[in-house]
Amino acid sequence: MENQELSNRIKVQRAIKNITQEELATQIGVTRKTINTIETGKFVPSTILAIKLARYFEIRVEELFILADK
């Protein structure tokens, strides 16, 4: 398997909705630290969490998370 990296557009989507990491975390049911580590790429979310985030932002998972070659 090729070396790939998962990036995301959570910060951009938060800016569009004008919400903080804390507000997003509360809506999704996780901690602010979890949102922060996902945004910075330190943590890869579970499929369930990725779907919850995409649903919250009303976009497809593929629009929120991008799998790219390193």
PDB file of N, CA and C in Angstrom:
ATOM      1  N   MET A   1       0.839  -1.186   0.000  1.00  0.00           N
ATOM      2  CA  MET A   1       0.000   0.000   0.000  1.00  0.00           C
ATOM      3  C   MET A   1       0.882   1.247   0.000  1.00  0.00           C
ATOM      4  N   GLU A   2       0.477   2.221  -0.750  1.00  0.00           N
ATOM      5  CA  GLU A   2       1.245   3.457  -0.848  1.00  0.00           C
ATOM      6  C   GLU A   2       1.179   4.251   0.447  1.00  0.00           C
ATOM      7  N   ASN A   3       2.154   5.099   0.649  1.00  0.00           N
ATOM      8  CA  ASN A   3       2.196   5.968   1.816  1.00  0.00           C
ATOM      9  C   ASN A   3       1.222   7.124   1.591  1.00  0.00           C
ATOM     10  N   GLN A   4       0.174   7.191   2.396  1.00  0.00           N
ATOM     11  CA  GLN A   4      -0.848   8.207   2.201  1.00  0.00           C
ATOM     12  C   GLN A   4      -1.079   8.993   3.479  1.00  0.00           C
ATOM     13  N   GLU A   5      -1.635  10.169   3.306  1.00  0.00           N
ATOM     14  CA  GLU A   5      -1.895  11.065   4.425  1.00  0.00           C
ATOM     15  C   GLU A   5      -3.337  11.548   4.356  1.00  0.00           C
ATOM     16  N   LEU A   6      -3.980  11.605   5.521  1.00  0.00           N
ATOM     17  CA  LEU A   6      -5.352  12.081   5.596  1.00  0.00           C
ATOM     18  C   LEU A   6      -5.355  13.520   6.074  1.00  0.00           C
ATOM     19  N   SER A   7      -5.889  14.406   5.257  1.00  0.00           N
ATOM     20  CA  SER A   7      -6.040  15.797   5.678  1.00  0.00           C
ATOM     21  C   SER A   7      -7.538  16.089   5.777  1.00  0.00           C
ATOM     22  N   ASN A   8      -7.867  17.245   6.316  1.00  0.00           N
ATOM     23  CA  ASN A   8      -9.292  17.555   6.472  1.00  0.00           C
ATOM     24  C   ASN A   8      -9.559  19.046   6.321  1.00  0.00           C
ATOM     25  N   ARG A   9     -10.829  19.355   6.193  1.00  0.00           N
ATOM     26  CA  ARG A   9     -11.271  20.749   6.034  1.00  0.00           C
ATOM     27  C   ARG A   9     -12.181  21.172   7.197  1.00  0.00           C
ATOM     28  N   ILE A  10     -11.947  20.578   8.353  1.00  0.00           N
ATOM     29  CA  ILE A  10     -12.797  20.893   9.504  1.00  0.00           C
ATOM     30  C   ILE A  10     -12.668  22.361   9.902  1.00  0.00           C
ATOM     31  N   LYS A  11     -11.450  22.865   9.955  1.00  0.00           N
ATOM     32  CA  LYS A  11     -11.244  24.266  10.352  1.00  0.00           C
ATOM     33  C   LYS A  11     -11.972  25.214   9.398  1.00  0.00           C
ATOM     34  N   VAL A  12     -11.903  24.923   8.115  1.00  0.00           N
ATOM     35  CA  VAL A  12     -12.599  25.745   7.116  1.00  0.00           C
ATOM     36  C   VAL A  12     -14.108  25.685   7.333  1.00  0.00           C
ATOM     37  N   GLN A  13     -14.617  24.476   7.547  1.00  0.00           N
ATOM     38  CA  GLN A  13     -16.057  24.320   7.763  1.00  0.00           C
ATOM     39  C   GLN A  13     -16.507  25.002   9.056  1.00  0.00           C
ATOM     40  N   ARG A  14     -15.670  24.961  10.086  1.00  0.00           N
ATOM     41  CA  ARG A  14     -15.998  25.664  11.330  1.00  0.00           C
ATOM     42  C   ARG A  14     -16.067  27.162  11.090  1.00  0.00           C
ATOM     43  N   ALA A  15     -15.140  27.678  10.291  1.00  0.00           N
ATOM     44  CA  ALA A  15     -15.121  29.112   9.986  1.00  0.00           C
ATOM     45  C   ALA A  15     -16.380  29.517   9.225  1.00  0.00           C
ATOM     46  N   ILE A  16     -16.808  28.677   8.290  1.00  0.00           N
ATOM     47  CA  ILE A  16     -18.032  28.956   7.526  1.00  0.00           C
ATOM     48  C   ILE A  16     -19.235  29.045   8.466  1.00  0.00           C
ATOM     49  N   LYS A  17     -19.301  28.120   9.434  1.00  0.00           N
ATOM     50  CA  LYS A  17     -20.413  28.106  10.392  1.00  0.00           C
ATOM     51  C   LYS A  17     -20.174  29.044  11.575  1.00  0.00           C
ATOM     52  N   ASN A  18     -18.964  29.613  11.644  1.00  0.00           N
ATOM     53  CA  ASN A  18     -18.588  30.531  12.714  1.00  0.00           C
ATOM     54  C   ASN A  18     -18.766  29.883  14.094  1.00  0.00           C
ATOM     55  N   ILE A  19     -18.178  28.688  14.249  1.00  0.00           N
ATOM     56  CA  ILE A  19     -18.239  28.002  15.532  1.00  0.00           C
ATOM     57  C   ILE A  19     -16.835  27.653  16.012  1.00  0.00           C
ATOM     58  N   THR A  20     -16.696  27.513  17.315  1.00  0.00           N
ATOM     59  CA  THR A  20     -15.406  27.159  17.912  1.00  0.00           C
ATOM     60  C   THR A  20     -15.241  25.646  17.948  1.00  0.00           C
ATOM     61  N   GLN A  21     -14.028  25.224  18.255  1.00  0.00           N
ATOM     62  CA  GLN A  21     -13.780  23.793  18.439  1.00  0.00           C
ATOM     63  C   GLN A  21     -14.661  23.256  19.567  1.00  0.00           C
ATOM     64  N   GLU A  22     -14.807  24.034  20.619  1.00  0.00           N
ATOM     65  CA  GLU A  22     -15.620  23.626  21.773  1.00  0.00           C
ATOM     66  C   GLU A  22     -17.082  23.429  21.374  1.00  0.00           C
ATOM     67  N   GLU A  23     -17.608  24.356  20.592  1.00  0.00           N
ATOM     68  CA  GLU A  23     -19.011  24.246  20.149  1.00  0.00           C
ATOM     69  C   GLU A  23     -19.209  23.022  19.258  1.00  0.00           C
ATOM     70  N   LEU A  24     -18.269  22.783  18.354  1.00  0.00           N
ATOM     71  CA  LEU A  24     -18.357  21.615  17.483  1.00  0.00           C
ATOM     72  C   LEU A  24     -18.277  20.339  18.311  1.00  0.00           C
ATOM     73  N   ALA A  25     -17.347  20.300  19.250  1.00  0.00           N
ATOM     74  CA  ALA A  25     -17.183  19.123  20.102  1.00  0.00           C
ATOM     75  C   ALA A  25     -18.476  18.806  20.846  1.00  0.00           C
ATOM     76  N   THR A  26     -19.122  19.823  21.383  1.00  0.00           N
ATOM     77  CA  THR A  26     -20.381  19.630  22.105  1.00  0.00           C
ATOM     78  C   THR A  26     -21.451  19.061  21.182  1.00  0.00           C
ATOM     79  N   GLN A  27     -21.546  19.583  19.978  1.00  0.00           N
ATOM     80  CA  GLN A  27     -22.547  19.111  19.014  1.00  0.00           C
ATOM     81  C   GLN A  27     -22.304  17.656  18.598  1.00  0.00           C
ATOM     82  N   ILE A  28     -21.046  17.260  18.495  1.00  0.00           N
ATOM     83  CA  ILE A  28     -20.690  15.923  18.024  1.00  0.00           C
ATOM     84  C   ILE A  28     -20.624  14.911  19.167  1.00  0.00           C
ATOM     85  N   GLY A  29     -20.390  15.411  20.396  1.00  0.00           N
ATOM     86  CA  GLY A  29     -20.309  14.524  21.541  1.00  0.00           C
ATOM     87  C   GLY A  29     -18.905  14.024  21.846  1.00  0.00           C
ATOM     88  N   VAL A  30     -17.924  14.890  21.568  1.00  0.00           N
ATOM     89  CA  VAL A  30     -16.526  14.567  21.877  1.00  0.00           C
ATOM     90  C   VAL A  30     -15.915  15.750  22.624  1.00  0.00           C
ATOM     91  N   THR A  31     -14.646  15.644  22.965  1.00  0.00           N
ATOM     92  CA  THR A  31     -13.978  16.759  23.644  1.00  0.00           C
ATOM     93  C   THR A  31     -13.392  17.741  22.631  1.00  0.00           C
ATOM     94  N   ARG A  32     -13.100  18.943  23.109  1.00  0.00           N
ATOM     95  CA  ARG A  32     -12.460  19.943  22.254  1.00  0.00           C
ATOM     96  C   ARG A  32     -11.102  19.437  21.803  1.00  0.00           C
ATOM     97  N   LYS A  33     -10.402  18.729  22.691  1.00  0.00           N
ATOM     98  CA  LYS A  33      -9.083  18.192  22.349  1.00  0.00           C
ATOM     99  C   LYS A  33      -9.179  17.205  21.187  1.00  0.00           C
ATOM    100  N   THR A  34     -10.237  16.408  21.150  1.00  0.00           N
ATOM    101  CA  THR A  34     -10.427  15.469  20.035  1.00  0.00           C
ATOM    102  C   THR A  34     -10.560  16.228  18.727  1.00  0.00           C
ATOM    103  N   ILE A  35     -11.375  17.286  18.719  1.00  0.00           N
ATOM    104  CA  ILE A  35     -11.530  18.096  17.504  1.00  0.00           C
ATOM    105  C   ILE A  35     -10.188  18.686  17.109  1.00  0.00           C
ATOM    106  N   ASN A  36      -9.446  19.208  18.078  1.00  0.00           N
ATOM    107  CA  ASN A  36      -8.143  19.803  17.799  1.00  0.00           C
ATOM    108  C   ASN A  36      -7.178  18.792  17.188  1.00  0.00           C
ATOM    109  N   THR A  37      -7.112  17.595  17.761  1.00  0.00           N
ATOM    110  CA  THR A  37      -6.161  16.603  17.237  1.00  0.00           C
ATOM    111  C   THR A  37      -6.556  16.093  15.858  1.00  0.00           C
ATOM    112  N   ILE A  38      -7.847  16.065  15.562  1.00  0.00           N
ATOM    113  CA  ILE A  38      -8.282  15.687  14.212  1.00  0.00           C
ATOM    114  C   ILE A  38      -7.900  16.794  13.231  1.00  0.00           C
ATOM    115  N   GLU A  39      -8.205  18.042  13.593  1.00  0.00           N
ATOM    116  CA  GLU A  39      -7.887  19.186  12.718  1.00  0.00           C
ATOM    117  C   GLU A  39      -6.412  19.253  12.377  1.00  0.00           C
ATOM    118  N   THR A  40      -5.565  18.987  13.351  1.00  0.00           N
ATOM    119  CA  THR A  40      -4.113  19.102  13.135  1.00  0.00           C
ATOM    120  C   THR A  40      -3.490  17.851  12.543  1.00  0.00           C
ATOM    121  N   GLY A  41      -4.296  16.810  12.334  1.00  0.00           N
ATOM    122  CA  GLY A  41      -3.807  15.598  11.709  1.00  0.00           C
ATOM    123  C   GLY A  41      -3.075  14.659  12.650  1.00  0.00           C
ATOM    124  N   LYS A  42      -3.151  14.920  13.945  1.00  0.00           N
ATOM    125  CA  LYS A  42      -2.492  14.051  14.919  1.00  0.00           C
ATOM    126  C   LYS A  42      -3.315  12.805  15.221  1.00  0.00           C
ATOM    127  N   PHE A  43      -4.601  12.856  14.895  1.00  0.00           N
ATOM    128  CA  PHE A  43      -5.514  11.751  15.184  1.00  0.00           C
ATOM    129  C   PHE A  43      -6.419  11.515  13.988  1.00  0.00           C
ATOM    130  N   VAL A  44      -6.552  10.257  13.583  1.00  0.00           N
ATOM    131  CA  VAL A  44      -7.454   9.886  12.496  1.00  0.00           C
ATOM    132  C   VAL A  44      -8.761   9.419  13.132  1.00  0.00           C
ATOM    133  N   PRO A  45      -9.870  10.082  12.810  1.00  0.00           N
ATOM    134  CA  PRO A  45     -11.135   9.733  13.446  1.00  0.00           C
ATOM    135  C   PRO A  45     -11.661   8.377  12.978  1.00  0.00           C
ATOM    136  N   SER A  46     -12.494   7.793  13.811  1.00  0.00           N
ATOM    137  CA  SER A  46     -13.176   6.561  13.420  1.00  0.00           C
ATOM    138  C   SER A  46     -14.146   6.883  12.284  1.00  0.00           C
ATOM    139  N   THR A  47     -14.596   5.863  11.624  1.00  0.00           N
ATOM    140  CA  THR A  47     -15.581   6.052  10.543  1.00  0.00           C
ATOM    141  C   THR A  47     -16.839   6.719  11.089  1.00  0.00           C
ATOM    142  N   ILE A  48     -17.280   6.281  12.257  1.00  0.00           N
ATOM    143  CA  ILE A  48     -18.494   6.849  12.856  1.00  0.00           C
ATOM    144  C   ILE A  48     -18.315   8.335  13.135  1.00  0.00           C
ATOM    145  N   LEU A  49     -17.183   8.709  13.709  1.00  0.00           N
ATOM    146  CA  LEU A  49     -16.929  10.114  14.008  1.00  0.00           C
ATOM    147  C   LEU A  49     -16.812  10.942  12.728  1.00  0.00           C
ATOM    148  N   ALA A  50     -16.172  10.402  11.711  1.00  0.00           N
ATOM    149  CA  ALA A  50     -16.058  11.108  10.428  1.00  0.00           C
ATOM    150  C   ALA A  50     -17.438  11.353   9.830  1.00  0.00           C
ATOM    151  N   ILE A  51     -18.317  10.370   9.918  1.00  0.00           N
ATOM    152  CA  ILE A  51     -19.678  10.523   9.387  1.00  0.00           C
ATOM    153  C   ILE A  51     -20.448  11.558  10.202  1.00  0.00           C
ATOM    154  N   LYS A  52     -20.311  11.525  11.528  1.00  0.00           N
ATOM    155  CA  LYS A  52     -20.993  12.511  12.373  1.00  0.00           C
ATOM    156  C   LYS A  52     -20.554  13.933  12.017  1.00  0.00           C
ATOM    157  N   LEU A  53     -19.256  14.113  11.809  1.00  0.00           N
ATOM    158  CA  LEU A  53     -18.741  15.430  11.443  1.00  0.00           C
ATOM    159  C   LEU A  53     -19.291  15.882  10.090  1.00  0.00           C
ATOM    160  N   ALA A  54     -19.257  14.988   9.118  1.00  0.00           N
ATOM    161  CA  ALA A  54     -19.760  15.330   7.785  1.00  0.00           C
ATOM    162  C   ALA A  54     -21.248  15.667   7.831  1.00  0.00           C
ATOM    163  N   ARG A  55     -22.005  14.902   8.572  1.00  0.00           N
ATOM    164  CA  ARG A  55     -23.440  15.178   8.705  1.00  0.00           C
ATOM    165  C   ARG A  55     -23.682  16.528   9.361  1.00  0.00           C
ATOM    166  N   TYR A  56     -22.894  16.836  10.388  1.00  0.00           N
ATOM    167  CA  TYR A  56     -23.050  18.122  11.063  1.00  0.00           C
ATOM    168  C   TYR A  56     -22.834  19.271  10.074  1.00  0.00           C
ATOM    169  N   PHE A  57     -21.817  19.147   9.241  1.00  0.00           N
ATOM    170  CA  PHE A  57     -21.510  20.200   8.270  1.00  0.00           C
ATOM    171  C   PHE A  57     -22.349  20.091   6.993  1.00  0.00           C
ATOM    172  N   GLU A  58     -23.156  19.040   6.911  1.00  0.00           N
ATOM    173  CA  GLU A  58     -24.040  18.800   5.761  1.00  0.00           C
ATOM    174  C   GLU A  58     -23.274  18.687   4.451  1.00  0.00           C
ATOM    175  N   ILE A  59     -22.161  17.933   4.530  1.00  0.00           N
ATOM    176  CA  ILE A  59     -21.360  17.649   3.335  1.00  0.00           C
ATOM    177  C   ILE A  59     -20.979  16.173   3.362  1.00  0.00           C
ATOM    178  N   ARG A  60     -20.472  15.684   2.244  1.00  0.00           N
ATOM    179  CA  ARG A  60     -20.032  14.288   2.168  1.00  0.00           C
ATOM    180  C   ARG A  60     -18.711  14.120   2.911  1.00  0.00           C
ATOM    181  N   VAL A  61     -18.476  12.924   3.418  1.00  0.00           N
ATOM    182  CA  VAL A  61     -17.232  12.624   4.126  1.00  0.00           C
ATOM    183  C   VAL A  61     -16.036  12.951   3.232  1.00  0.00           C
ATOM    184  N   GLU A  62     -16.155  12.632   1.943  1.00  0.00           N
ATOM    185  CA  GLU A  62     -15.057  12.871   0.990  1.00  0.00           C
ATOM    186  C   GLU A  62     -14.767  14.350   0.792  1.00  0.00           C
ATOM    187  N   GLU A  63     -15.729  15.205   1.111  1.00  0.00           N
ATOM    188  CA  GLU A  63     -15.502  16.649   1.015  1.00  0.00           C
ATOM    189  C   GLU A  63     -14.814  17.184   2.268  1.00  0.00           C
ATOM    190  N   LEU A  64     -14.969  16.480   3.374  1.00  0.00           N
ATOM    191  CA  LEU A  64     -14.395  16.911   4.642  1.00  0.00           C
ATOM    192  C   LEU A  64     -13.003  16.325   4.859  1.00  0.00           C
ATOM    193  N   PHE A  65     -12.803  15.083   4.417  1.00  0.00           N
ATOM    194  CA  PHE A  65     -11.523  14.393   4.580  1.00  0.00           C
ATOM    195  C   PHE A  65     -10.939  14.061   3.215  1.00  0.00           C
ATOM    196  N   ILE A  66      -9.640  14.314   3.062  1.00  0.00           N
ATOM    197  CA  ILE A  66      -8.965  14.107   1.789  1.00  0.00           C
ATOM    198  C   ILE A  66      -7.793  13.145   2.001  1.00  0.00           C
ATOM    199  N   LEU A  67      -7.785  12.060   1.246  1.00  0.00           N
ATOM    200  CA  LEU A  67      -6.696  11.094   1.306  1.00  0.00           C
ATOM    201  C   LEU A  67      -5.731  11.392   0.165  1.00  0.00           C
ATOM    202  N   ALA A  68      -4.512  11.770   0.533  1.00  0.00           N
ATOM    203  CA  ALA A  68      -3.536  12.165  -0.486  1.00  0.00           C
ATOM    204  C   ALA A  68      -2.246  11.371  -0.326  1.00  0.00           C
ATOM    205  N   ASP A  69      -1.552  11.189  -1.442  1.00  0.00           N
ATOM    206  CA  ASP A  69      -0.242  10.547  -1.410  1.00  0.00           C
ATOM    207  C   ASP A  69       0.751  11.501  -0.773  1.00  0.00           C
ATOM    208  N   LYS A  70       1.664  10.939   0.015  1.00  0.00           N
ATOM    209  CA  LYS A  70       2.725  11.770   0.646  1.00  0.00           C
ATOM    210  C   LYS A  70       3.806  12.061  -0.349  1.00  0.00           C
TER     211      LYS A  70
END
